[in-house]
Amino acid sequence: MIAGLMPLFGCAAFQNTAAQDRTWSAWYACRAENRTTGVQLVRVDPYGYYTLQANYYRPQFSECMAEKLGLENPNCAITRSRTSGARCG
């Protein structure tokens, strides 16, 4: 049934939100500055929070993302930080 409805709706349902676009832009900017070594962005949720995969903590990556996203705390945009008690207000 879903496959039958796809031609009616096209890909409009799969468009990124503004927050997702902002996070992906930050990722590409950090990557261009070679500050993402050993880190892979796995997923960006509709609110711009991201999930990453890394072999170990990469402070230069977190600092770059915070800088590009205008965040005070480098861990505020990582998905797990929403429940870890990080002050991101």
Protein backbone atom coordinates (compact mmCIF):
# COMPACT_ATOMS: atom_id res chain seq x y z
CA MET A 1 0.00 0.00 0.00
CA ILE A 2 2.76 2.46 0.90
CA ALA A 3 4.55 1.74 -2.36
CA GLY A 4 1.32 2.49 -4.19
CA LEU A 5 1.03 5.91 -2.54
CA MET A 6 4.62 6.97 -3.22
CA PRO A 7 3.91 8.22 -6.76
CA LEU A 8 1.12 10.41 -5.38
CA PHE A 9 3.29 12.11 -2.76
CA GLY A 10 6.71 11.93 -4.38
CA CYS A 11 9.68 12.69 -2.19
CA ALA A 12 8.15 15.71 -0.47
CA ALA A 13 7.75 13.73 2.74
CA PHE A 14 11.50 13.10 2.83
CA GLN A 15 12.62 16.75 2.73
CA ASN A 16 14.93 17.89 5.56
CA THR A 17 13.77 20.37 8.17
CA ALA A 18 15.62 23.68 8.55
CA ALA A 19 17.27 22.33 11.72
CA GLN A 20 18.50 19.24 9.87
CA ASP A 21 19.89 21.37 7.05
CA ARG A 22 21.68 23.57 9.58
CA THR A 23 23.30 20.55 11.26
CA TRP A 24 24.34 18.99 7.95
CA SER A 25 25.82 22.35 6.87
CA ALA A 26 27.83 22.49 10.10
CA TRP A 27 29.03 18.91 9.49
CA TYR A 28 30.19 19.73 5.95
CA ALA A 29 31.91 22.93 7.13
CA CYS A 30 33.78 21.01 9.86
CA ARG A 31 34.68 18.31 7.37
CA ALA A 32 36.06 20.93 4.97
CA GLU A 33 38.27 22.16 7.83
CA ASN A 34 39.44 18.56 8.44
CA ARG A 35 37.98 18.51 11.97
CA THR A 36 35.88 15.36 11.55
CA THR A 37 38.66 12.76 11.36
CA GLY A 38 37.45 9.47 12.83
CA VAL A 39 33.85 10.69 13.21
CA GLN A 40 30.85 9.81 11.09
CA LEU A 41 27.49 11.54 11.34
CA VAL A 42 24.96 8.70 11.41
CA ARG A 43 21.63 10.50 11.71
CA VAL A 44 20.18 13.98 12.18
CA ASP A 45 16.71 14.12 13.72
CA PRO A 46 14.10 16.72 12.68
CA TYR A 47 15.16 19.02 15.54
CA GLY A 48 18.80 19.05 14.45
CA TYR A 49 20.14 16.72 17.14
CA TYR A 50 22.63 14.31 15.68
CA THR A 51 23.89 10.82 16.35
CA LEU A 52 27.49 10.10 15.58
CA GLN A 53 29.84 7.18 15.42
CA ALA A 54 33.42 7.60 16.63
CA ASN A 55 36.17 5.35 17.88
CA TYR A 56 36.79 7.66 20.83
CA TYR A 57 35.89 11.17 21.99
CA ARG A 58 37.00 13.82 19.51
CA PRO A 59 36.96 17.24 21.20
CA GLN A 60 37.95 19.05 18.00
CA PHE A 61 34.82 17.69 16.31
CA SER A 62 32.49 18.68 19.16
CA GLU A 63 34.06 22.12 19.37
CA CYS A 64 33.74 22.64 15.63
CA MET A 65 30.07 21.62 15.58
CA ALA A 66 29.33 23.90 18.54
CA GLU A 67 31.11 26.76 16.81
CA LYS A 68 29.24 26.26 13.53
CA LEU A 69 25.88 25.78 15.27
CA GLY A 70 26.38 28.71 17.65
CA LEU A 71 26.17 26.56 20.78
CA GLU A 72 27.86 27.36 24.08
CA ASN A 73 28.18 23.73 25.19
CA PRO A 74 29.82 21.47 22.56
CA ASN A 75 27.67 18.50 23.62
CA CYS A 76 24.28 20.16 23.25
CA ALA A 77 23.50 18.97 19.74
CA ILE A 78 24.44 15.33 20.25
CA THR A 79 21.34 13.17 20.63
CA ARG A 80 22.46 11.52 23.86
CA SER A 81 22.93 14.94 25.52
CA ARG A 82 19.20 15.61 25.58
CA THR A 83 18.86 13.14 28.41
CA SER A 84 22.30 13.41 30.03
CA GLY A 85 21.58 16.58 31.96
CA ALA A 86 23.73 18.87 29.79
CA ARG A 87 22.78 22.52 30.19
CA CYS A 88 21.88 23.62 26.69
CA GLY A 89 19.31 26.33 27.29
